[in-house]
Amino acid sequence: MVLTPSEAPQPSPGEKEVLIRVRAAGVTPTELSWYPTTHTKIGTPRIGAIPGHEFSGVTVAVGGKLDSAMVGQEVYGMNDWFADGATAEYCLTQPEWIAPKPSTISHELASTVPISALTAWQGLFDRCGLRAGERLLVHGGSGAVGLFAVQLARNHSAHVIATASAQKADLVNQLGAERVLDYRTSRFEDELEPVDVIFDTVGGETLERSWKMLKAGGRIVTIAAQGESTTEQRVKDAFFIVEPNAKQLERIAQLIDGGDLKTFMSASVPLSDASKAYLKGTPGASRFGKTVVSISSS
C-alpha cells in the first residue's frame, strides 16, 4: 500500500461513536502492509484505508447514546485495526478505546503512547502475570514497546534485564533496566541465569534461543510479526496482538502525569508530509521513540 493524500468528507458519529479532532497520530511504518489495512474483517479487499491507529486530540461530537459532556475533552487512544485511523483531521472512535489525555505532555507525545504502552502492559500483566521480585528479560529494550516494558516492570518492582545496542544502553538503564546486554557483541544465553518472564519484541533466532532461558514455570510473550503466521504451537501460544483498553489507558496516563512513565518522539511531520513518516530514516529523527504526524489546530 502507498500512502497518498486525498480529500474525504468529515465523518459523523454513529449512536455510540465519538468524533475526534485529531491533533497528532503515532506512526507504525509497517502498518501499510498489514492485513487489516488491505482487507476488511470479512476478507474482502479494502481500498483507501486511513492509517495511524493511535492518536491524541479533542472530542468534538458524540453519538446520540453517549454523554454530551464528553465534547471538548482532550483524549488519547487507539482504534481497532480494521477501523479507519487518525492520519487525518478527524477520526471516529469508541468510548472504550479512549481515555483522558495525560495532562503533562503534548498531543504529539501523547500520540506515541497508546499502542506501545498498551502492548507492554497487556504482555507483562495480562498475559504473563508479572509479579514483584521476578526477573524479566526484555528483548529490544530500546524499541517503542521495549522502553515501556522496561519502565512498567521497574514500577512493578521486577528485576529488569534488557537487550539493546551499546549506543542505547544508557537510556535503557536510566529507565529501569538493572543490566543491558549488547545484542551485537554478546549472547544473552551465555551471560544470564534463567529468568521468570521474557518479553520478546524481536522474534526469529532471538525468540528461538529464548526458550531455554525460562525457569520452570516461566512465561514468555512475543509480539514479533512472525508469530502470527507460525505453525509452532509454543510460539502461537506466546504471540499476541494488542487491543484497545480505556481503563488501562487511564492508568498509563496517571503514571505519565506522576512522572513514573516517560515516552519519546523521534520526529514530527505535518499532515501534508505524512507519507514521509512511513519511510525508513525520517529526516531529523532521533534514536528513540516514534515518528508522529502532527495535525494543525486551526
Protein backbone atom coordinates (compact mmCIF):
# COMPACT_ATOMS: atom_id res chain seq x y z
CA MET A 1 0.00 0.00 0.00
CA VAL A 2 1.21 3.51 -0.84
CA LEU A 3 0.10 6.45 1.29
CA THR A 4 -1.37 9.20 -0.86
CA PRO A 5 -3.14 12.42 0.21
CA SER A 6 -6.85 12.76 -0.56
CA GLU A 7 -9.93 14.70 0.46
CA ALA A 8 -12.66 12.93 2.41
CA PRO A 9 -15.91 14.16 3.98
CA GLN A 10 -15.85 14.82 7.70
CA PRO A 11 -17.19 11.66 9.37
CA SER A 12 -20.33 11.76 11.51
CA PRO A 13 -20.50 9.72 14.71
CA GLY A 14 -22.96 6.87 14.99
CA GLU A 15 -25.08 6.45 18.10
CA LYS A 16 -22.21 5.03 20.17
CA GLU A 17 -19.28 6.71 18.41
CA VAL A 18 -17.06 9.67 19.24
CA LEU A 19 -15.71 12.16 16.69
CA ILE A 20 -12.15 13.30 17.41
CA ARG A 21 -10.45 16.39 16.04
CA VAL A 22 -7.02 14.85 15.68
CA ARG A 23 -4.02 16.81 16.90
CA ALA A 24 -1.41 14.10 16.35
CA ALA A 25 -1.21 10.49 15.21
CA GLY A 26 1.50 7.98 16.03
CA VAL A 27 3.14 6.15 13.14
CA THR A 28 3.81 2.42 12.78
CA PRO A 29 5.52 2.21 9.35
CA THR A 30 4.75 -1.48 8.76
CA GLU A 31 1.03 -0.82 9.11
CA LEU A 32 0.69 -0.03 5.42
CA SER A 33 1.24 -3.70 4.57
CA TRP A 34 -0.85 -5.25 7.35
CA TYR A 35 -3.86 -7.41 6.54
CA PRO A 36 -6.39 -5.06 8.22
CA THR A 37 -5.08 -2.21 6.08
CA THR A 38 -5.71 -4.06 2.85
CA HIS A 39 -8.71 -6.21 3.81
CA THR A 40 -11.99 -5.91 5.68
CA LYS A 41 -12.91 -8.16 8.59
CA ILE A 42 -14.76 -10.50 6.23
CA GLY A 43 -11.75 -10.75 3.91
CA THR A 44 -12.80 -8.54 1.02
CA PRO A 45 -10.30 -6.03 -0.42
CA ARG A 46 -10.14 -2.72 1.42
CA ILE A 47 -9.45 0.41 -0.61
CA GLY A 48 -8.44 3.81 0.75
CA ALA A 49 -7.87 2.81 4.37
CA ILE A 50 -6.65 5.63 6.61
CA PRO A 51 -3.65 4.53 8.74
CA GLY A 52 -2.50 5.73 12.14
CA HIS A 53 -4.30 3.80 14.87
CA GLU A 54 -3.03 5.74 17.88
CA PHE A 55 -3.87 9.38 18.35
CA SER A 56 -4.37 12.34 20.59
CA GLY A 57 -6.95 15.05 20.06
CA VAL A 58 -10.16 16.71 21.20
CA THR A 59 -13.68 15.29 21.27
CA VAL A 60 -15.88 17.47 19.04
CA ALA A 61 -19.08 15.41 18.76
CA VAL A 62 -20.66 12.24 20.16
CA GLY A 63 -23.45 9.93 19.11
CA GLY A 64 -26.95 10.19 20.50
CA LYS A 65 -26.48 7.40 23.06
CA LEU A 66 -23.37 8.96 24.61
CA ASP A 67 -22.97 11.71 27.21
CA SER A 68 -22.54 15.10 25.52
CA ALA A 69 -20.30 16.16 28.43
CA MET A 70 -17.52 14.33 26.58
CA VAL A 71 -17.43 17.10 23.98
CA GLY A 72 -14.41 19.34 24.41
CA GLN A 73 -12.33 16.80 26.34
CA GLU A 74 -8.71 16.16 25.39
CA VAL A 75 -8.33 12.43 24.87
CA TYR A 76 -5.90 9.89 23.53
CA GLY A 77 -6.43 6.36 22.39
CA MET A 78 -6.16 3.53 19.95
CA ASN A 79 -8.59 2.40 17.26
CA ASP A 80 -9.42 -1.13 16.19
CA TRP A 81 -7.12 -2.25 13.36
CA PHE A 82 -9.99 -2.58 10.88
CA ALA A 83 -11.32 0.91 11.66
CA ASP A 84 -10.06 3.96 9.81
CA GLY A 85 -7.12 5.55 11.59
CA ALA A 86 -6.17 9.06 12.60
CA THR A 87 -3.79 10.29 9.93
CA ALA A 88 -6.46 12.81 9.09
CA GLU A 89 -8.07 15.93 10.54
CA TYR A 90 -10.87 13.86 12.10
CA CYS A 91 -11.41 10.26 13.11
CA LEU A 92 -14.20 8.21 14.64
CA THR A 93 -13.62 6.09 17.70
CA GLN A 94 -15.48 4.49 20.61
CA PRO A 95 -15.53 5.41 24.32
CA GLU A 96 -13.94 2.11 25.34
CA TRP A 97 -10.94 2.86 23.09
CA ILE A 98 -10.02 6.27 24.54
CA ALA A 99 -9.15 7.94 27.85
CA PRO A 100 -8.34 11.44 29.09
CA LYS A 101 -5.02 12.57 27.62
CA PRO A 102 -2.08 12.82 30.04
CA SER A 103 -2.15 16.48 31.08
CA THR A 104 1.60 16.92 31.46
CA ILE A 105 2.61 16.15 27.87
CA SER A 106 1.76 17.48 24.42
CA HIS A 107 -0.63 15.91 21.95
CA GLU A 108 2.38 14.86 19.88
CA LEU A 109 3.96 12.99 22.76
CA ALA A 110 0.60 11.55 23.84
CA SER A 111 0.07 10.05 20.39
CA THR A 112 3.21 7.92 20.80
CA VAL A 113 1.80 6.15 23.84
CA PRO A 114 -1.33 4.05 23.24
CA ILE A 115 -0.17 1.14 21.07
CA SER A 116 3.27 0.72 22.62
CA ALA A 117 2.27 1.21 26.25
CA LEU A 118 -0.82 -0.99 25.96
CA THR A 119 1.26 -3.69 24.28
CA ALA A 120 3.76 -3.63 27.12
CA TRP A 121 1.02 -3.56 29.77
CA GLN A 122 -1.01 -6.40 28.28
CA GLY A 123 2.05 -8.53 27.60
CA LEU A 124 3.55 -8.12 31.07
CA PHE A 125 0.45 -8.19 33.23
CA ASP A 126 -2.48 -9.71 31.31
CA ARG A 127 -0.52 -12.39 29.50
CA CYS A 128 2.45 -13.12 31.79
CA GLY A 129 1.13 -12.07 35.19
CA LEU A 130 4.44 -10.44 36.08
CA ARG A 131 4.95 -10.33 39.84
CA ALA A 132 7.10 -8.13 42.05
CA GLY A 133 10.55 -9.56 42.56
CA GLU A 134 10.55 -11.66 39.40
CA ARG A 135 13.36 -11.47 36.86
CA LEU A 136 12.32 -10.21 33.43
CA LEU A 137 14.28 -10.22 30.18
CA VAL A 138 13.11 -7.70 27.56
CA HIS A 139 14.38 -8.29 24.03
CA GLY A 140 14.56 -4.97 22.21
CA GLY A 141 14.60 -2.83 25.32
CA SER A 142 15.23 0.41 23.40
CA GLY A 143 12.35 -0.05 20.96
CA ALA A 144 8.98 1.67 21.10
CA VAL A 145 7.40 -1.18 23.09
CA GLY A 146 10.54 -2.22 24.94
CA LEU A 147 11.01 1.18 26.56
CA PHE A 148 7.56 0.93 28.09
CA ALA A 149 8.06 -2.70 29.13
CA VAL A 150 11.24 -1.77 31.00
CA GLN A 151 9.56 1.11 32.83
CA LEU A 152 6.33 -0.71 33.69
CA ALA A 153 8.23 -3.71 35.01
CA ARG A 154 10.50 -1.47 37.09
CA ASN A 155 7.45 0.29 38.54
CA HIS A 156 6.08 -3.15 39.39
CA SER A 157 9.25 -3.95 41.39
CA ALA A 158 10.51 -6.58 38.96
CA HIS A 159 14.22 -7.07 38.23
CA VAL A 160 14.68 -5.99 34.62
CA ILE A 161 17.33 -7.12 32.16
CA ALA A 162 17.21 -5.90 28.57
CA THR A 163 18.95 -6.39 25.25
CA ALA A 164 19.78 -3.31 23.19
CA SER A 165 22.64 -1.83 21.21
CA ALA A 166 25.52 -0.34 23.18
CA GLN A 167 24.63 3.15 21.91
CA LYS A 168 21.20 2.94 23.55
CA ALA A 169 22.14 1.14 26.75
CA ASP A 170 22.43 4.25 28.91
CA LEU A 171 18.82 5.30 28.39
CA VAL A 172 17.52 1.77 28.96
CA ASN A 173 19.47 1.68 32.23
CA GLN A 174 18.10 5.06 33.26
CA LEU A 175 14.55 3.87 32.64
CA GLY A 176 14.90 0.92 34.96
CA ALA A 177 16.94 -1.95 33.50
CA GLU A 178 19.41 -3.27 36.05
CA ARG A 179 21.51 -4.74 33.25
CA VAL A 180 21.63 -4.15 29.50
CA LEU A 181 23.29 -6.64 27.16
CA ASP A 182 24.60 -5.53 23.80
CA TYR A 183 22.94 -7.99 21.42
CA ARG A 184 25.62 -7.30 18.82
CA THR A 185 28.56 -8.45 20.93
CA SER A 186 27.13 -10.95 23.43
CA ARG A 187 24.70 -13.84 23.56
CA PHE A 188 22.20 -13.48 26.38
CA GLU A 189 22.05 -17.22 26.98
CA ASP A 190 25.79 -17.21 27.75
CA GLU A 191 25.52 -14.25 30.13
CA LEU A 192 22.39 -14.92 32.16
CA GLU A 193 20.80 -17.40 34.51
CA PRO A 194 17.24 -18.45 33.60
CA VAL A 195 14.54 -15.83 34.18
CA ASP A 196 10.88 -15.85 35.16
CA VAL A 197 9.48 -13.88 32.23
CA ILE A 198 10.68 -12.98 28.73
CA PHE A 199 9.09 -10.18 26.72
CA ASP A 200 10.18 -10.56 23.10
CA THR A 201 9.84 -7.81 20.50
CA VAL A 202 12.42 -9.23 18.08
CA GLY A 203 11.38 -12.75 17.08
CA GLY A 204 13.29 -15.06 14.78
CA GLU A 205 16.52 -16.51 16.13
CA THR A 206 16.30 -14.37 19.27
CA LEU A 207 12.98 -15.94 20.21
CA GLU A 208 14.18 -19.42 19.33
CA ARG A 209 17.18 -19.03 21.65
CA SER A 210 14.99 -17.74 24.46
CA TRP A 211 13.01 -20.84 25.36
CA LYS A 212 15.88 -22.45 27.23
CA MET A 213 16.27 -19.25 29.29
CA LEU A 214 12.99 -19.76 31.15
CA LYS A 215 12.85 -21.08 34.68
CA ALA A 216 10.45 -23.88 35.46
CA GLY A 217 7.04 -22.25 35.32
CA GLY A 218 8.46 -19.30 33.40
CA ARG A 219 6.40 -17.37 30.86
CA ILE A 220 7.23 -15.89 27.50
CA VAL A 221 5.32 -13.49 25.29
CA THR A 222 6.17 -12.25 21.81
CA ILE A 223 4.84 -9.51 19.56
CA ALA A 224 7.18 -10.28 16.64
CA ALA A 225 5.26 -10.45 13.37
CA GLN A 226 6.44 -13.97 12.57
CA GLY A 227 4.37 -15.25 15.46
CA GLU A 228 1.13 -14.51 13.63
CA SER A 229 1.81 -16.99 10.83
CA THR A 230 3.83 -19.63 12.66
CA THR A 231 2.78 -23.27 12.87
CA GLU A 232 4.86 -23.87 16.01
CA GLN A 233 2.37 -24.21 18.85
CA ARG A 234 4.50 -22.72 21.60
CA VAL A 235 5.10 -19.60 19.51
CA LYS A 236 1.40 -19.38 18.64
CA ASP A 237 0.61 -19.56 22.35
CA ALA A 238 3.15 -16.84 23.16
CA PHE A 239 2.11 -14.43 20.41
CA PHE A 240 -0.49 -11.72 20.94
CA ILE A 241 -1.81 -8.55 19.34
CA VAL A 242 -2.62 -5.54 21.47
CA GLU A 243 -6.23 -4.44 21.94
CA PRO A 244 -7.70 -1.05 22.88
CA ASN A 245 -8.46 -0.68 26.57
CA ALA A 246 -9.71 2.57 28.13
CA LYS A 247 -9.11 1.58 31.76
CA GLN A 248 -5.50 0.66 31.06
CA LEU A 249 -5.02 3.93 29.15
CA GLU A 250 -6.33 5.81 32.19
CA ARG A 251 -3.79 4.10 34.44
CA ILE A 252 -0.98 4.72 31.96
CA ALA A 253 -1.89 8.41 31.82
CA GLN A 254 -1.72 8.57 35.62
CA LEU A 255 1.76 7.06 35.55
CA ILE A 256 2.88 9.60 32.95
CA ASP A 257 1.43 12.54 34.88
CA GLY A 258 3.01 11.21 38.07
CA GLY A 259 6.45 11.14 36.46
CA ASP A 260 6.71 7.34 36.62
CA LEU A 261 6.48 6.70 32.88
CA LYS A 262 8.21 8.51 30.03
CA THR A 263 7.56 8.47 26.30
CA PHE A 264 9.71 9.59 23.40
CA MET A 265 9.12 11.11 19.99
CA SER A 266 11.76 10.60 17.32
CA ALA A 267 10.33 13.11 14.82
CA SER A 268 7.22 15.08 13.93
CA VAL A 269 5.99 15.74 10.40
CA PRO A 270 2.98 17.75 9.23
CA LEU A 271 -0.05 16.04 7.72
CA SER A 272 0.98 17.26 4.28
CA ASP A 273 4.18 15.19 4.60
CA ALA A 274 2.58 12.17 6.24
CA SER A 275 3.92 9.80 3.58
CA LYS A 276 7.48 10.61 4.71
CA ALA A 277 6.67 9.39 8.21
CA TYR A 278 6.09 5.90 6.83
CA LEU A 279 9.53 5.74 5.23
CA LYS A 280 12.62 4.46 7.00
CA GLY A 281 15.01 7.15 8.08
CA THR A 282 12.64 10.06 8.67
CA PRO A 283 14.77 13.22 8.27
CA GLY A 284 15.83 14.65 11.62
CA ALA A 285 14.64 11.66 13.61
CA SER A 286 16.24 10.95 16.97
CA ARG A 287 17.26 7.49 18.13
CA PHE A 288 14.30 6.84 20.41
CA GLY A 289 10.54 6.80 20.14
CA LYS A 290 8.03 7.05 17.34
CA THR A 291 7.54 9.40 14.46
CA VAL A 292 4.36 11.45 14.75
CA VAL A 293 2.09 13.10 12.20
CA SER A 294 1.13 16.47 13.64
CA ILE A 295 -2.16 17.98 12.53
CA SER A 296 -2.66 21.74 12.74
CA SER A 297 -5.05 23.00 15.41
CA SER A 298 -6.56 25.59 13.09
